[in-house]
Amino acid sequence: MNNIDGRRLSDSLREEIRFKAIKDWHAGMSPTNLAHKYGTSRKIVYQWIDRYNQDGWDGLKTRTGKTGPKPRLSPEQEQQLKLLLRTRTPIDYGYQTTLWTCQIIAALIEKTFQVKYVPGGVRKLLKRLGFSPQKPRWGAWEQDKKK
């Protein structure tokens, strides 16, 4: 079998390949030969063997679920933050601007929920909540519009 991009295979097909490879390994086939037979690297074959040794056949099943760190704010807190951002302005909290910046929102989150965020984390949080970055318009707001 030639090296193939396993990411393009279905989950069930990848599971089947892992199960067959471990059965062949039990039958005495070396990891090098398994890698060649199943079109993958030896490193991947060793990972399959480790997963099998740790968790048995269940360890070879496709892993599902979200990866990455858990959100710092609960869903209720996120909804409360969303409401605050839509109904209030930074002026209401003593800032000299009407624009929500990531720094101001991070300070608001820390003050309201006692959870620290860095501006980059606030940016990701806002994207997840459905907000998009907005740029202020420059120019005199008093001027007449062109007719």
Protein backbone atom coordinates (compact mmCIF):
# COMPACT_ATOMS: atom_id res chain seq x y z
CA MET A 1 0.00 0.00 0.00
CA ASN A 2 1.37 3.43 -0.89
CA ASN A 3 1.53 6.18 1.66
CA ILE A 4 -1.92 7.73 1.74
CA ASP A 5 -3.28 10.75 3.50
CA GLY A 6 -5.24 9.18 6.35
CA ARG A 7 -7.06 12.43 6.98
CA ARG A 8 -9.01 11.86 3.79
CA LEU A 9 -10.28 8.46 4.95
CA SER A 10 -13.49 7.98 6.87
CA ASP A 11 -13.30 7.37 10.62
CA SER A 12 -14.58 3.82 10.25
CA LEU A 13 -11.97 2.98 7.61
CA ARG A 14 -9.16 4.38 9.74
CA GLU A 15 -10.39 2.34 12.72
CA GLU A 16 -10.46 -0.78 10.58
CA ILE A 17 -6.87 -0.16 9.47
CA ARG A 18 -5.74 0.27 13.08
CA PHE A 19 -7.52 -2.94 14.16
CA LYS A 20 -6.00 -4.94 11.28
CA ALA A 21 -2.54 -3.54 12.00
CA ILE A 22 -2.70 -4.57 15.67
CA LYS A 23 -3.94 -8.04 14.69
CA ASP A 24 -0.97 -8.32 12.32
CA TRP A 25 1.32 -7.08 15.10
CA HIS A 26 -0.03 -9.82 17.39
CA ALA A 27 0.72 -12.30 14.62
CA GLY A 28 4.38 -11.22 14.75
CA MET A 29 4.69 -8.58 12.06
CA SER A 30 7.24 -5.86 12.85
CA PRO A 31 6.25 -2.17 13.11
CA THR A 32 8.42 -1.42 10.07
CA ASN A 33 6.57 -3.99 7.97
CA LEU A 34 3.21 -2.78 9.33
CA ALA A 35 4.06 0.79 8.34
CA HIS A 36 4.92 -0.36 4.83
CA LYS A 37 1.84 -2.58 4.52
CA TYR A 38 -0.63 0.08 5.72
CA GLY A 39 1.02 3.06 4.04
CA THR A 40 1.94 5.00 7.14
CA SER A 41 5.04 5.80 9.19
CA ARG A 42 6.59 3.63 11.88
CA LYS A 43 5.94 6.43 14.35
CA ILE A 44 2.20 6.14 13.73
CA VAL A 45 2.32 2.35 14.08
CA TYR A 46 4.08 2.75 17.44
CA GLN A 47 1.37 5.20 18.50
CA TRP A 48 -1.29 2.61 17.63
CA ILE A 49 0.59 -0.01 19.65
CA ASP A 50 0.87 2.36 22.62
CA ARG A 51 -2.85 3.17 22.43
CA TYR A 52 -3.64 -0.55 22.29
CA ASN A 53 -1.35 -1.30 25.24
CA GLN A 54 -2.91 1.48 27.30
CA ASP A 55 -6.62 1.06 26.55
CA GLY A 56 -6.99 -2.19 24.63
CA TRP A 57 -9.17 -2.31 21.54
CA ASP A 58 -11.13 0.75 22.74
CA GLY A 59 -7.92 2.77 22.52
CA LEU A 60 -7.89 2.23 18.77
CA LYS A 61 -11.33 3.71 18.21
CA THR A 62 -11.63 7.17 16.70
CA ARG A 63 -11.53 9.81 19.37
CA THR A 64 -14.39 12.24 19.33
CA GLY A 65 -15.11 15.41 21.20
CA LYS A 66 -13.65 18.84 21.42
CA THR A 67 -9.99 19.38 22.03
CA GLY A 68 -8.27 22.32 23.59
CA PRO A 69 -8.81 24.13 26.84
CA LYS A 70 -12.26 24.46 28.34
CA PRO A 71 -13.84 27.93 28.21
CA ARG A 72 -13.11 30.04 31.28
CA LEU A 73 -16.59 31.51 31.36
CA SER A 74 -19.69 29.40 31.83
CA PRO A 75 -22.41 29.58 29.15
CA GLU A 76 -24.48 31.73 31.51
CA GLN A 77 -21.58 34.14 32.03
CA GLU A 78 -21.00 34.30 28.27
CA GLN A 79 -24.64 35.23 27.71
CA GLN A 80 -24.42 37.87 30.45
CA LEU A 81 -21.28 39.31 28.81
CA LYS A 82 -23.03 39.35 25.44
CA LEU A 83 -25.92 41.30 26.98
CA LEU A 84 -23.52 43.76 28.64
CA LEU A 85 -21.70 44.42 25.37
CA ARG A 86 -24.92 45.02 23.49
CA THR A 87 -26.69 47.22 26.06
CA ARG A 88 -23.87 49.21 27.66
CA THR A 89 -20.88 51.22 26.48
CA PRO A 90 -17.40 51.60 27.96
CA ILE A 91 -18.42 55.10 29.08
CA ASP A 92 -20.84 53.43 31.52
CA TYR A 93 -17.79 51.84 33.17
CA GLY A 94 -15.71 55.02 33.36
CA TYR A 95 -13.72 54.80 30.13
CA GLN A 96 -13.29 57.78 27.81
CA THR A 97 -14.34 55.95 24.66
CA THR A 98 -17.48 54.46 23.23
CA LEU A 99 -15.59 51.64 21.50
CA TRP A 100 -15.20 48.23 23.09
CA THR A 101 -11.55 47.22 22.85
CA CYS A 102 -10.14 43.85 23.84
CA GLN A 103 -8.30 45.47 26.75
CA ILE A 104 -11.48 47.11 28.05
CA ILE A 105 -13.47 43.89 27.67
CA ALA A 106 -10.71 41.93 29.46
CA ALA A 107 -10.92 44.41 32.37
CA LEU A 108 -14.74 44.14 32.36
CA ILE A 109 -14.57 40.33 32.48
CA GLU A 110 -12.09 40.42 35.35
CA LYS A 111 -14.16 42.95 37.30
CA THR A 112 -17.51 41.22 36.65
CA PHE A 113 -16.61 37.52 36.69
CA GLN A 114 -13.19 37.48 38.44
CA VAL A 115 -11.68 35.68 35.42
CA LYS A 116 -8.50 36.93 33.74
CA TYR A 117 -8.27 37.11 29.96
CA VAL A 118 -5.52 38.42 27.72
CA PRO A 119 -6.58 40.50 24.69
CA GLY A 120 -5.97 37.58 22.29
CA GLY A 121 -8.23 35.37 24.39
CA VAL A 122 -10.90 38.09 24.41
CA ARG A 123 -10.69 38.23 20.61
CA LYS A 124 -11.33 34.47 20.35
CA LEU A 125 -14.13 34.67 22.91
CA LEU A 126 -15.83 37.48 21.00
CA LYS A 127 -15.61 35.54 17.75
CA ARG A 128 -17.18 32.51 19.44
CA LEU A 129 -19.97 34.76 20.76
CA GLY A 130 -20.69 36.05 17.26
CA PHE A 131 -19.08 39.48 17.48
CA SER A 132 -16.83 40.79 14.73
CA PRO A 133 -14.21 43.53 14.95
CA GLN A 134 -15.48 46.96 14.01
CA LYS A 135 -13.43 49.93 12.89
CA PRO A 136 -14.52 53.47 13.64
CA ARG A 137 -15.23 55.76 10.72
CA TRP A 138 -12.92 58.70 10.42
CA GLY A 139 -14.19 62.08 9.41
CA ALA A 140 -16.30 64.84 10.75
CA TRP A 141 -19.70 63.54 11.77
CA GLU A 142 -21.15 67.02 11.47
CA GLN A 143 -20.50 67.37 7.75
CA ASP A 144 -23.36 67.20 5.29
CA LYS A 145 -23.68 64.09 3.22
CA LYS A 146 -23.11 64.51 -0.49
CA LYS A 147 -26.30 64.92 -2.44
